[in-house]
Amino acid sequence: MCPENPSPAVENSARRYTPAAELTDAGMSPVVAAELERRIELVAAEEAERDPSRQPMSTAELAQYVFVAVGCCVIGLVVMFL
């Protein structure tokens, strides 16, 4: 098929972008798919608000992470050369 005239399956799949639509396309009941999507959204919202590990890293935490990663690489190189 040429890109100007995609197949109907490609057109339909491009329009279906929700998780419930994907699950329905895979054979799940629409009611179950909608309920599953609702529950996933609730859990994601709760985790985003209450779980500090889901928050972006601060500048100090990022600097510490980079320092430790570079330190591990340097130690590995020293061990290889010795």
C-alpha atoms as a PDB file:
ATOM      1  CA  MET A   1       0.000   0.000   0.000  1.00  0.00           C
ATOM      2  CA  CYS A   2       1.173   3.482  -0.676  1.00  0.00           C
ATOM      3  CA  PRO A   3       1.287   6.004   2.194  1.00  0.00           C
ATOM      4  CA  GLU A   4      -1.348   8.219   0.545  1.00  0.00           C
ATOM      5  CA  ASN A   5      -3.960   5.424   0.749  1.00  0.00           C
ATOM      6  CA  PRO A   6      -3.445   3.456   3.944  1.00  0.00           C
ATOM      7  CA  SER A   7      -5.483   0.364   4.533  1.00  0.00           C
ATOM      8  CA  PRO A   8      -8.707   0.670   6.585  1.00  0.00           C
ATOM      9  CA  ALA A   9      -7.058  -1.251   9.423  1.00  0.00           C
ATOM     10  CA  VAL A  10      -4.322   1.377   9.667  1.00  0.00           C
ATOM     11  CA  GLU A  11      -6.887   4.191   9.646  1.00  0.00           C
ATOM     12  CA  ASN A  12      -8.949   2.548  12.406  1.00  0.00           C
ATOM     13  CA  SER A  13      -5.935   1.765  14.571  1.00  0.00           C
ATOM     14  CA  ALA A  14      -4.732   5.356  14.276  1.00  0.00           C
ATOM     15  CA  ARG A  15      -8.028   6.628  15.682  1.00  0.00           C
ATOM     16  CA  ARG A  16      -8.122   4.240  18.650  1.00  0.00           C
ATOM     17  CA  TYR A  17      -5.696   5.625  21.167  1.00  0.00           C
ATOM     18  CA  THR A  18      -7.181   4.888  24.589  1.00  0.00           C
ATOM     19  CA  PRO A  19      -6.161   1.835  26.623  1.00  0.00           C
ATOM     20  CA  ALA A  20      -9.810   0.744  26.761  1.00  0.00           C
ATOM     21  CA  ALA A  21      -9.999   0.828  22.970  1.00  0.00           C
ATOM     22  CA  GLU A  22      -6.824  -1.220  22.695  1.00  0.00           C
ATOM     23  CA  LEU A  23      -8.168  -3.810  25.149  1.00  0.00           C
ATOM     24  CA  THR A  24     -11.503  -3.925  23.333  1.00  0.00           C
ATOM     25  CA  ASP A  25      -9.676  -4.471  20.039  1.00  0.00           C
ATOM     26  CA  ALA A  26      -7.837  -7.371  21.682  1.00  0.00           C
ATOM     27  CA  GLY A  27     -11.142  -9.041  22.560  1.00  0.00           C
ATOM     28  CA  MET A  28     -11.933  -7.789  26.065  1.00  0.00           C
ATOM     29  CA  SER A  29     -15.453  -6.745  26.976  1.00  0.00           C
ATOM     30  CA  PRO A  30     -15.899  -2.946  26.643  1.00  0.00           C
ATOM     31  CA  VAL A  31     -17.327  -2.713  30.170  1.00  0.00           C
ATOM     32  CA  VAL A  32     -14.367  -4.559  31.681  1.00  0.00           C
ATOM     33  CA  ALA A  33     -11.891  -2.539  29.606  1.00  0.00           C
ATOM     34  CA  ALA A  34     -13.445   0.767  30.727  1.00  0.00           C
ATOM     35  CA  GLU A  35     -13.400  -0.310  34.390  1.00  0.00           C
ATOM     36  CA  LEU A  36      -9.787  -1.429  34.121  1.00  0.00           C
ATOM     37  CA  GLU A  37      -8.810   1.891  32.528  1.00  0.00           C
ATOM     38  CA  ARG A  38     -10.641   3.792  35.307  1.00  0.00           C
ATOM     39  CA  ARG A  39      -8.826   1.832  38.023  1.00  0.00           C
ATOM     40  CA  ILE A  40      -5.439   2.328  36.383  1.00  0.00           C
ATOM     41  CA  GLU A  41      -6.061   6.089  36.195  1.00  0.00           C
ATOM     42  CA  LEU A  42      -7.009   6.167  39.902  1.00  0.00           C
ATOM     43  CA  VAL A  43      -3.857   4.311  40.929  1.00  0.00           C
ATOM     44  CA  ALA A  44      -1.655   6.489  38.705  1.00  0.00           C
ATOM     45  CA  ALA A  45      -3.161   9.691  40.143  1.00  0.00           C
ATOM     46  CA  GLU A  46      -2.695   8.467  43.721  1.00  0.00           C
ATOM     47  CA  GLU A  47       0.900   7.437  43.090  1.00  0.00           C
ATOM     48  CA  ALA A  48       1.690  10.782  41.466  1.00  0.00           C
ATOM     49  CA  GLU A  49       0.349  12.685  44.486  1.00  0.00           C
ATOM     50  CA  ARG A  50       1.514  10.572  47.425  1.00  0.00           C
ATOM     51  CA  ASP A  51       4.573   8.603  46.368  1.00  0.00           C
ATOM     52  CA  PRO A  52       7.742  10.724  46.686  1.00  0.00           C
ATOM     53  CA  SER A  53       9.715   8.248  44.580  1.00  0.00           C
ATOM     54  CA  ARG A  54       7.537   9.232  41.599  1.00  0.00           C
ATOM     55  CA  GLN A  55       8.570  12.892  41.834  1.00  0.00           C
ATOM     56  CA  PRO A  56      11.363  14.301  39.634  1.00  0.00           C
ATOM     57  CA  MET A  57      14.865  14.226  41.062  1.00  0.00           C
ATOM     58  CA  SER A  58      16.189  17.414  42.644  1.00  0.00           C
ATOM     59  CA  THR A  59      19.417  18.958  41.396  1.00  0.00           C
ATOM     60  CA  ALA A  60      21.311  17.604  44.403  1.00  0.00           C
ATOM     61  CA  GLU A  61      19.927  14.089  43.895  1.00  0.00           C
ATOM     62  CA  LEU A  62      20.785  14.179  40.193  1.00  0.00           C
ATOM     63  CA  ALA A  63      24.328  15.383  40.925  1.00  0.00           C
ATOM     64  CA  GLN A  64      24.766  12.627  43.513  1.00  0.00           C
ATOM     65  CA  TYR A  65      23.491  10.015  41.042  1.00  0.00           C
ATOM     66  CA  VAL A  66      25.903  11.191  38.330  1.00  0.00           C
ATOM     67  CA  PHE A  67      28.808  11.307  40.807  1.00  0.00           C
ATOM     68  CA  VAL A  68      28.161   7.747  41.981  1.00  0.00           C
ATOM     69  CA  ALA A  69      27.755   6.452  38.405  1.00  0.00           C
ATOM     70  CA  VAL A  70      30.993   8.089  37.242  1.00  0.00           C
ATOM     71  CA  GLY A  71      32.755   6.861  40.388  1.00  0.00           C
ATOM     72  CA  CYS A  72      31.662   3.288  39.682  1.00  0.00           C
ATOM     73  CA  CYS A  73      32.949   3.555  36.109  1.00  0.00           C
ATOM     74  CA  VAL A  74      36.303   4.899  37.303  1.00  0.00           C
ATOM     75  CA  ILE A  75      36.627   2.104  39.867  1.00  0.00           C
ATOM     76  CA  GLY A  76      35.809  -0.426  37.138  1.00  0.00           C
ATOM     77  CA  LEU A  77      38.472   1.020  34.843  1.00  0.00           C
ATOM     78  CA  VAL A  78      41.064   0.976  37.642  1.00  0.00           C
ATOM     79  CA  VAL A  79      40.270  -2.673  38.369  1.00  0.00           C
ATOM     80  CA  MET A  80      40.616  -3.532  34.672  1.00  0.00           C
ATOM     81  CA  PHE A  81      44.025  -1.860  34.416  1.00  0.00           C
ATOM     82  CA  LEU A  82      45.411  -3.481  37.566  1.00  0.00           C
END
